[in-house]
């Protein structure tokens, strides 16, 4: 596989910050980049510096009224009239409160995802990773779920309009990728696939198997909602089986994937009990699909992930190791207990609120098995059968 990959990153993206106590903490970008540098896996020549998206690109997905509201609520002291109207734009909630500089910070994130598409589609890179992106809950006229602008949807629309490609969007976040799904629900040239914890118990409450697209887009929406406390084996069985059939039917020209890493057992905002193994295996599977169907064209984005110390740097690190075909990813096959770089552990352990893991993968053999494992697995298999009802 061609290992030509670009890492789109700028520490200024940590400016996307709601407040000091909010769970969405972009310090995880710094932790991840530092881990990869310490591992010798992120040379400076692999890094591309993004620029902000212009308003025309935002307006391809978001309404002019919403963009105006975001701008107005980004002021250090927004006008009272805009503050009173913030509710109708979803920007006054505990999850997604407006903050100074919000428009500029989010437009910069959108710009990174647009650059990822351009790098891949113009052949400058075979694969592109933009961990600052993946804000998949924002709607055309409303912010939601920690997301102000939907960079994934804007990047997909840009790929369609500029390069005329069919896009398979793969969302691995534990929360349903609702904003992207609804943006392309009737579009036959965009297939959205989302594996997530069932919305019966978790935000945003959508993503059932009956959501399959509408009109000309019927059949191009695929959802795999899994039971709480699902573990690695069941998660990966459902992911691989449904996604392989989805890709075979849709035959994309480009894959855009979202890599929220909040399905890990340590994540505080969900109830799935997976280990770092799924964050090694899912990128590997997507990588193969990209070469099978898209001549390798693969854009990957970040997403959720709220244990920023124990989970996110390792999960996103494994993603980049796979995309760049770094030797460490192969070494893990022979040494599952391979240690993280000592320099990284020494640098960040004093700042971490608890002990950092010392290995890339988790010692799952020492974990206590989940009760009801068999019942959960069977329920997930039934969901898998429903999800593939219209797939070959």
Protein backbone atom coordinates (compact mmCIF):
# COMPACT_ATOMS: atom_id res chain seq x y z
CA UNK A 1 0.00 0.00 0.00
CA UNK A 2 1.20 3.51 -0.78
CA UNK A 3 2.16 5.20 2.47
CA UNK A 4 2.06 8.75 1.13
CA UNK A 5 0.01 10.54 3.79
CA UNK A 6 -0.34 14.08 5.08
CA UNK A 7 -1.08 15.13 8.66
CA UNK A 8 -3.09 18.36 8.75
CA UNK A 9 -2.40 20.14 11.99
CA UNK A 10 -1.90 23.49 13.66
CA UNK A 11 -1.81 23.98 17.41
CA UNK A 12 -4.01 27.06 16.91
CA UNK A 13 -6.91 24.59 16.53
CA UNK A 14 -6.94 24.34 20.33
CA UNK A 15 -8.78 27.69 20.13
CA UNK A 16 -11.95 25.66 19.53
CA UNK A 17 -12.74 25.69 23.24
CA UNK A 18 -16.10 26.27 24.88
CA UNK A 19 -14.96 26.79 28.49
CA UNK A 20 -12.52 25.43 31.06
CA UNK A 21 -14.84 22.69 32.36
CA UNK A 22 -16.28 21.52 29.03
CA UNK A 23 -15.53 17.86 28.13
CA UNK A 24 -14.53 18.79 24.55
CA UNK A 25 -10.87 19.56 25.11
CA UNK A 26 -8.63 20.09 22.09
CA UNK A 27 -5.52 19.66 24.21
CA UNK A 28 -5.89 16.08 22.95
CA UNK A 29 -4.53 17.29 19.58
CA UNK A 30 -1.30 18.42 21.25
CA UNK A 31 -1.03 15.16 23.21
CA UNK A 32 -1.50 13.08 20.06
CA UNK A 33 0.95 15.02 17.91
CA UNK A 34 3.53 14.88 20.70
CA UNK A 35 3.05 11.11 21.08
CA UNK A 36 3.62 10.58 17.36
CA UNK A 37 6.69 12.82 17.34
CA UNK A 38 8.11 10.97 20.34
CA UNK A 39 7.53 7.70 18.49
CA UNK A 40 9.42 9.01 15.45
CA UNK A 41 6.25 8.72 13.37
CA UNK A 42 5.50 12.35 12.54
CA UNK A 43 8.24 14.06 10.54
CA UNK A 44 7.77 17.77 9.92
CA UNK A 45 7.55 17.25 6.18
CA UNK A 46 4.38 15.18 6.69
CA UNK A 47 2.54 18.09 8.35
CA UNK A 48 0.35 20.49 6.35
CA UNK A 49 -0.84 23.77 7.87
CA UNK A 50 -4.52 24.52 7.15
CA UNK A 51 -6.12 27.89 6.43
CA UNK A 52 -9.65 28.96 7.38
CA UNK A 53 -12.62 28.15 5.19
CA UNK A 54 -14.18 31.10 3.41
CA UNK A 55 -17.85 31.88 3.86
CA UNK A 56 -18.84 30.54 0.45
CA UNK A 57 -17.70 27.05 1.47
CA UNK A 58 -19.68 27.24 4.72
CA UNK A 59 -22.79 28.35 2.84
CA UNK A 60 -22.70 25.20 0.72
CA UNK A 61 -24.05 23.39 3.81
CA UNK A 62 -25.04 26.00 6.39
CA UNK A 63 -27.72 28.67 6.01
CA UNK A 64 -26.70 32.31 5.67
CA UNK A 65 -28.81 33.14 8.72
CA UNK A 66 -26.96 30.58 10.83
CA UNK A 67 -23.52 31.75 9.73
CA UNK A 68 -24.54 35.32 10.58
CA UNK A 69 -25.67 34.16 14.02
CA UNK A 70 -22.40 32.32 14.66
CA UNK A 71 -20.45 35.43 13.70
CA UNK A 72 -22.54 37.70 15.90
CA UNK A 73 -22.31 35.36 18.89
CA UNK A 74 -18.54 35.13 18.45
CA UNK A 75 -18.04 38.69 19.62
CA UNK A 76 -16.43 39.24 23.00
CA UNK A 77 -19.68 40.89 24.12
CA UNK A 78 -22.49 39.81 21.77
CA UNK A 79 -25.46 42.15 21.34
CA UNK A 80 -28.39 41.40 23.65
CA UNK A 81 -30.66 40.71 20.71
CA UNK A 82 -28.34 37.96 19.45
CA UNK A 83 -28.01 36.48 22.94
CA UNK A 84 -31.81 36.27 23.18
CA UNK A 85 -31.92 34.48 19.81
CA UNK A 86 -29.03 32.10 20.53
CA UNK A 87 -31.47 29.37 21.57
CA UNK A 88 -32.95 29.02 18.08
CA UNK A 89 -29.45 28.35 16.72
CA UNK A 90 -28.55 25.79 19.41
CA UNK A 91 -25.77 28.00 20.73
CA UNK A 92 -26.96 28.57 24.29
CA UNK A 93 -26.89 25.02 25.63
CA UNK A 94 -24.56 23.40 28.14
CA UNK A 95 -23.25 21.20 25.32
CA UNK A 96 -22.74 23.91 22.72
CA UNK A 97 -22.48 27.36 24.28
CA UNK A 98 -21.28 30.29 22.21
CA UNK A 99 -17.78 31.55 22.98
CA UNK A 100 -15.59 34.47 21.87
CA UNK A 101 -13.89 33.78 18.56
CA UNK A 102 -16.23 30.87 17.82
CA UNK A 103 -16.65 31.61 14.11
CA UNK A 104 -12.94 32.01 13.47
CA UNK A 105 -12.01 28.89 15.46
CA UNK A 106 -14.60 26.71 13.74
CA UNK A 107 -13.93 28.08 10.25
CA UNK A 108 -10.28 27.12 10.78
CA UNK A 109 -11.34 23.56 11.54
CA UNK A 110 -13.52 23.45 8.41
CA UNK A 111 -10.53 24.73 6.44
CA UNK A 112 -8.45 21.79 7.62
CA UNK A 113 -11.00 19.28 6.37
CA UNK A 114 -11.28 21.08 3.03
CA UNK A 115 -7.50 20.96 2.70
CA UNK A 116 -7.58 17.22 3.42
CA UNK A 117 -9.98 16.70 0.50
CA UNK A 118 -7.89 18.86 -1.84
CA UNK A 119 -4.63 17.15 -0.91
CA UNK A 120 -6.10 13.74 -1.72
CA UNK A 121 -8.15 14.66 -4.78
CA UNK A 122 -5.30 16.56 -6.45
CA UNK A 123 -2.92 13.67 -5.84
CA UNK A 124 -0.61 15.54 -3.46
CA UNK A 125 -1.30 12.81 -0.92
CA UNK A 126 -2.96 9.43 -1.09
CA UNK A 127 -4.32 9.73 2.45
CA UNK A 128 -4.96 12.82 4.61
CA UNK A 129 -5.65 13.00 8.33
CA UNK A 130 -7.23 16.02 10.00
CA UNK A 131 -7.77 15.23 13.67
CA UNK A 132 -9.12 18.70 14.42
CA UNK A 133 -12.19 17.89 12.31
CA UNK A 134 -15.09 15.49 12.66
CA UNK A 135 -17.68 17.92 14.10
CA UNK A 136 -20.49 15.72 12.82
CA UNK A 137 -23.51 16.89 14.86
CA UNK A 138 -23.91 20.44 13.54
CA UNK A 139 -27.01 20.93 11.37
CA UNK A 140 -27.42 23.40 8.49
CA UNK A 141 -29.06 25.99 10.78
CA UNK A 142 -28.24 24.79 14.27
CA UNK A 143 -25.27 23.85 16.42
CA UNK A 144 -25.45 20.71 18.54
CA UNK A 145 -23.38 18.15 20.42
CA UNK A 146 -20.22 20.26 20.81
CA UNK A 147 -20.32 21.12 17.07
CA UNK A 148 -20.77 24.60 15.56
CA UNK A 149 -20.00 24.07 11.86
CA UNK A 150 -20.12 20.62 10.31
CA UNK A 151 -16.68 20.38 8.73
CA UNK A 152 -17.31 16.80 7.55
CA UNK A 153 -20.44 17.79 5.62
CA UNK A 154 -18.75 20.87 4.14
CA UNK A 155 -15.76 18.78 3.03
CA UNK A 156 -18.02 16.15 1.45
CA UNK A 157 -20.04 18.80 -0.41
CA UNK A 158 -16.79 20.36 -1.59
CA UNK A 159 -15.55 16.99 -2.87
CA UNK A 160 -18.81 16.48 -4.77
CA UNK A 161 -18.96 19.93 -6.36
CA UNK A 162 -15.28 20.36 -7.15
CA UNK A 163 -14.24 16.85 -8.14
CA UNK A 164 -17.52 15.15 -9.08
CA UNK A 165 -16.92 12.07 -6.91
CA UNK A 166 -19.14 9.63 -5.04
CA UNK A 167 -18.30 9.65 -1.34
CA UNK A 168 -18.63 6.96 1.29
CA UNK A 169 -18.72 8.60 4.71
CA UNK A 170 -17.81 6.21 7.56
CA UNK A 171 -18.57 7.39 11.10
CA UNK A 172 -17.04 5.38 13.96
CA UNK A 173 -17.93 7.80 16.77
CA UNK A 174 -19.96 6.26 19.60
CA UNK A 175 -22.60 8.94 18.94
CA UNK A 176 -24.63 8.74 15.73
CA UNK A 177 -23.31 10.94 12.90
CA UNK A 178 -26.63 12.71 12.55
CA UNK A 179 -25.57 16.06 11.08
CA UNK A 180 -23.79 14.44 8.15
CA UNK A 181 -26.58 11.91 7.61
CA UNK A 182 -29.35 14.51 7.41
CA UNK A 183 -27.25 16.76 5.17
CA UNK A 184 -27.13 14.03 2.51
CA UNK A 185 -30.22 11.97 3.30
CA UNK A 186 -31.67 12.30 -0.21
CA UNK A 187 -28.36 12.41 -2.08
CA UNK A 188 -27.57 9.28 -4.13
CA UNK A 189 -23.91 10.30 -4.49
CA UNK A 190 -23.13 10.30 -0.76
CA UNK A 191 -23.47 7.15 1.32
CA UNK A 192 -23.37 7.65 5.09
CA UNK A 193 -22.44 4.69 7.31
CA UNK A 194 -22.52 5.10 11.09
CA UNK A 195 -21.75 2.55 13.82
CA UNK A 196 -22.64 3.82 17.27
CA UNK A 197 -24.27 3.09 20.60
CA UNK A 198 -28.02 2.86 20.20
CA UNK A 199 -29.83 6.17 20.50
CA UNK A 200 -32.23 4.62 23.01
CA UNK A 201 -29.84 5.66 25.74
CA UNK A 202 -27.44 8.16 24.20
CA UNK A 203 -27.33 11.53 22.40
CA UNK A 204 -28.50 12.35 19.76
CA UNK A 205 -31.17 9.65 19.95
CA UNK A 206 -31.16 8.95 16.20
CA UNK A 207 -29.40 6.43 14.00
CA UNK A 208 -31.86 3.54 13.96
CA UNK A 209 -31.66 0.91 11.25
CA UNK A 210 -34.91 2.19 9.71
CA UNK A 211 -33.16 5.45 8.72
CA UNK A 212 -32.09 4.42 5.21
CA UNK A 213 -32.26 7.63 3.17
CA UNK A 214 -35.16 9.05 1.16
CA UNK A 215 -36.08 9.71 -2.46
CA UNK A 216 -33.14 9.13 -4.79
CA UNK A 217 -30.99 8.62 -1.70
CA UNK A 218 -32.92 5.64 -0.36
CA UNK A 219 -30.44 2.91 0.53
CA UNK A 220 -27.47 5.27 0.87
CA UNK A 221 -27.90 5.69 4.63
CA UNK A 222 -26.73 2.75 6.74
CA UNK A 223 -26.85 2.69 10.54
CA UNK A 224 -25.54 0.07 12.96
CA UNK A 225 -26.80 0.95 16.47
CA UNK A 226 -25.21 -1.36 19.05
CA UNK A 227 -26.14 -2.28 22.60
CA UNK A 228 -24.54 -0.67 25.65
CA UNK A 229 -21.53 -2.63 26.96
CA UNK A 230 -20.70 -4.05 23.54
CA UNK A 231 -17.10 -5.32 23.48
CA UNK A 232 -14.43 -5.55 20.77
CA UNK A 233 -15.42 -8.80 19.08
CA UNK A 234 -19.08 -7.91 18.59
CA UNK A 235 -18.32 -4.30 17.59
CA UNK A 236 -15.82 -5.39 14.94
CA UNK A 237 -18.05 -8.17 13.62
CA UNK A 238 -20.87 -5.71 12.99
CA UNK A 239 -18.55 -3.02 11.66
CA UNK A 240 -16.78 -5.22 9.13
CA UNK A 241 -19.77 -7.22 7.96
CA UNK A 242 -22.05 -4.25 7.32
CA UNK A 243 -19.39 -1.87 6.00
CA UNK A 244 -17.95 -4.39 3.54
CA UNK A 245 -21.40 -4.94 2.02
CA UNK A 246 -22.12 -1.20 2.02
CA UNK A 247 -18.91 -0.42 0.13
CA UNK A 248 -19.50 -3.26 -2.33
CA UNK A 249 -22.93 -1.88 -3.22
CA UNK A 250 -22.03 1.82 -3.31
CA UNK A 251 -18.57 1.61 -4.94
CA UNK A 252 -17.24 5.00 -3.81
CA UNK A 253 -14.59 7.16 -5.45
CA UNK A 254 -13.49 8.67 -2.12
CA UNK A 255 -13.76 7.60 1.52
CA UNK A 256 -14.19 10.23 4.23
CA UNK A 257 -14.07 8.68 7.70
CA UNK A 258 -14.74 10.14 11.14
CA UNK A 259 -12.77 8.64 14.02
CA UNK A 260 -14.38 9.61 17.28
CA UNK A 261 -12.72 7.37 19.88
CA UNK A 262 -15.42 7.50 22.55
CA UNK A 263 -16.50 3.85 22.22
CA UNK A 264 -13.59 2.95 24.49
CA UNK A 265 -14.40 1.51 27.91
CA UNK A 266 -12.68 4.46 29.63
CA UNK A 267 -14.71 7.16 27.89
CA UNK A 268 -16.96 8.99 30.39
CA UNK A 269 -19.77 9.97 28.00
CA UNK A 270 -20.98 6.60 26.66
CA UNK A 271 -21.54 2.98 27.65
CA UNK A 272 -19.64 0.88 25.08
CA UNK A 273 -16.86 -1.30 26.53
CA UNK A 274 -14.34 -1.63 23.72
CA UNK A 275 -10.55 -1.50 23.95
CA UNK A 276 -7.80 0.03 21.87
CA UNK A 277 -8.07 -3.01 19.58
CA UNK A 278 -10.99 -1.51 17.64
CA UNK A 279 -8.92 1.64 17.05
CA UNK A 280 -6.20 -0.45 15.50
CA UNK A 281 -8.53 -2.65 13.46
CA UNK A 282 -11.09 -0.15 12.09
CA UNK A 283 -8.49 2.04 10.34
CA UNK A 284 -6.87 -1.08 8.92
CA UNK A 285 -10.19 -2.20 7.44
CA UNK A 286 -11.00 1.26 6.04
CA UNK A 287 -7.50 1.45 4.55
CA UNK A 288 -8.14 -1.78 2.64
CA UNK A 289 -11.49 -0.52 1.35
CA UNK A 290 -9.88 2.71 0.16
CA UNK A 291 -7.44 0.77 -1.98
CA UNK A 292 -10.08 -1.71 -3.11
CA UNK A 293 -12.60 0.88 -4.32
CA UNK A 294 -11.04 4.36 -4.37
CA UNK A 295 -7.48 3.95 -5.67
CA UNK A 296 -6.41 4.63 -2.10
CA UNK A 297 -8.18 8.01 -1.77
CA UNK A 298 -8.93 8.37 1.94
CA UNK A 299 -9.63 11.42 4.09
CA UNK A 300 -9.84 10.81 7.85
CA UNK A 301 -11.15 13.22 10.50
CA UNK A 302 -11.15 13.27 14.29
CA UNK A 303 -14.34 13.46 16.34
CA UNK A 304 -15.39 12.65 19.88
CA UNK A 305 -13.12 11.34 22.59
CA UNK A 306 -13.29 12.59 26.15
CA UNK A 307 -10.62 10.64 28.00
CA UNK A 308 -7.95 12.84 26.51
CA UNK A 309 -5.11 11.25 28.49
CA UNK A 310 -5.60 7.48 28.41
CA UNK A 311 -7.53 7.00 25.17
CA UNK A 312 -7.41 9.72 22.53
CA UNK A 313 -3.63 10.00 21.91
CA UNK A 314 -3.26 6.23 21.50
CA UNK A 315 -6.38 5.79 19.34
CA UNK A 316 -5.54 8.67 17.02
CA UNK A 317 -1.89 7.67 17.08
CA UNK A 318 -2.82 4.20 15.81
CA UNK A 319 -4.91 5.81 13.06
CA UNK A 320 -1.94 7.80 11.78
CA UNK A 321 0.40 4.81 12.08
CA UNK A 322 -2.00 2.88 9.81
CA UNK A 323 -2.49 5.72 7.32
CA UNK A 324 1.25 6.34 7.03
CA UNK A 325 2.10 2.63 7.04
CA UNK A 326 4.59 3.17 9.86
CA UNK A 327 6.62 0.15 11.05
CA UNK A 328 5.15 0.41 14.57
CA UNK A 329 1.74 -0.70 13.29
CA UNK A 330 3.31 -3.92 12.02
CA UNK A 331 5.46 -4.33 15.12
CA UNK A 332 2.29 -4.42 17.22
CA UNK A 333 1.35 -7.67 15.47
CA UNK A 334 4.43 -9.29 16.97
CA UNK A 335 4.51 -7.34 20.23
CA UNK A 336 0.98 -6.50 21.48
CA UNK A 337 2.57 -5.20 24.68
CA UNK A 338 4.75 -2.65 22.87
CA UNK A 339 5.39 0.29 25.16
CA UNK A 340 4.63 3.91 24.45
CA UNK A 341 7.66 6.21 24.11
CA UNK A 342 9.26 6.77 27.49
CA UNK A 343 9.85 10.45 26.73
CA UNK A 344 6.12 11.00 26.12
CA UNK A 345 5.16 9.23 29.34
CA UNK A 346 7.72 11.23 31.33
CA UNK A 347 6.57 14.53 29.80
CA UNK A 348 2.84 14.10 30.37
CA UNK A 349 2.45 11.85 33.41
CA UNK A 350 3.04 14.74 35.85
CA UNK A 351 0.14 16.65 34.22
CA UNK A 352 -2.25 13.71 33.88
CA UNK A 353 -4.99 13.39 36.52
CA UNK A 354 -4.28 9.65 36.77
CA UNK A 355 -1.81 6.99 35.66
CA UNK A 356 -1.19 6.96 31.91
CA UNK A 357 -1.28 3.62 30.08
CA UNK A 358 2.23 2.44 29.24
CA UNK A 359 1.41 0.41 26.11
CA UNK A 360 -0.21 1.19 22.75
CA UNK A 361 -2.82 -1.54 23.22
CA UNK A 362 -4.85 -2.44 26.30
CA UNK A 363 -4.20 -5.57 28.40
CA UNK A 364 -7.75 -6.83 27.76
CA UNK A 365 -6.94 -10.29 29.12
CA UNK A 366 -6.85 -8.66 32.55
CA UNK A 367 -10.19 -6.87 32.09
CA UNK A 368 -13.30 -8.28 33.73
CA UNK A 369 -15.70 -9.61 31.06
CA UNK A 370 -18.99 -7.78 30.71
CA UNK A 371 -22.08 -9.51 32.12
CA UNK A 372 -24.69 -10.48 29.50
CA UNK A 373 -21.97 -10.77 26.84
CA UNK A 374 -23.85 -13.48 24.92
CA UNK A 375 -27.15 -11.62 25.04
CA UNK A 376 -25.52 -8.38 23.87
CA UNK A 377 -23.77 -10.19 21.02
CA UNK A 378 -27.02 -11.80 19.86
CA UNK A 379 -28.90 -8.50 19.96
CA UNK A 380 -26.14 -6.87 17.93
CA UNK A 381 -26.29 -9.68 15.35
CA UNK A 382 -30.00 -9.10 14.97
CA UNK A 383 -29.31 -5.40 14.42
CA UNK A 384 -26.66 -6.32 11.86
CA UNK A 385 -29.20 -8.40 9.95
CA UNK A 386 -31.66 -5.50 9.88
CA UNK A 387 -28.94 -3.05 8.79
CA UNK A 388 -28.03 -5.24 5.82
CA UNK A 389 -31.61 -5.95 4.76
CA UNK A 390 -31.23 -4.02 1.48
CA UNK A 391 -27.54 -4.76 0.91
CA UNK A 392 -26.26 -7.51 -1.42
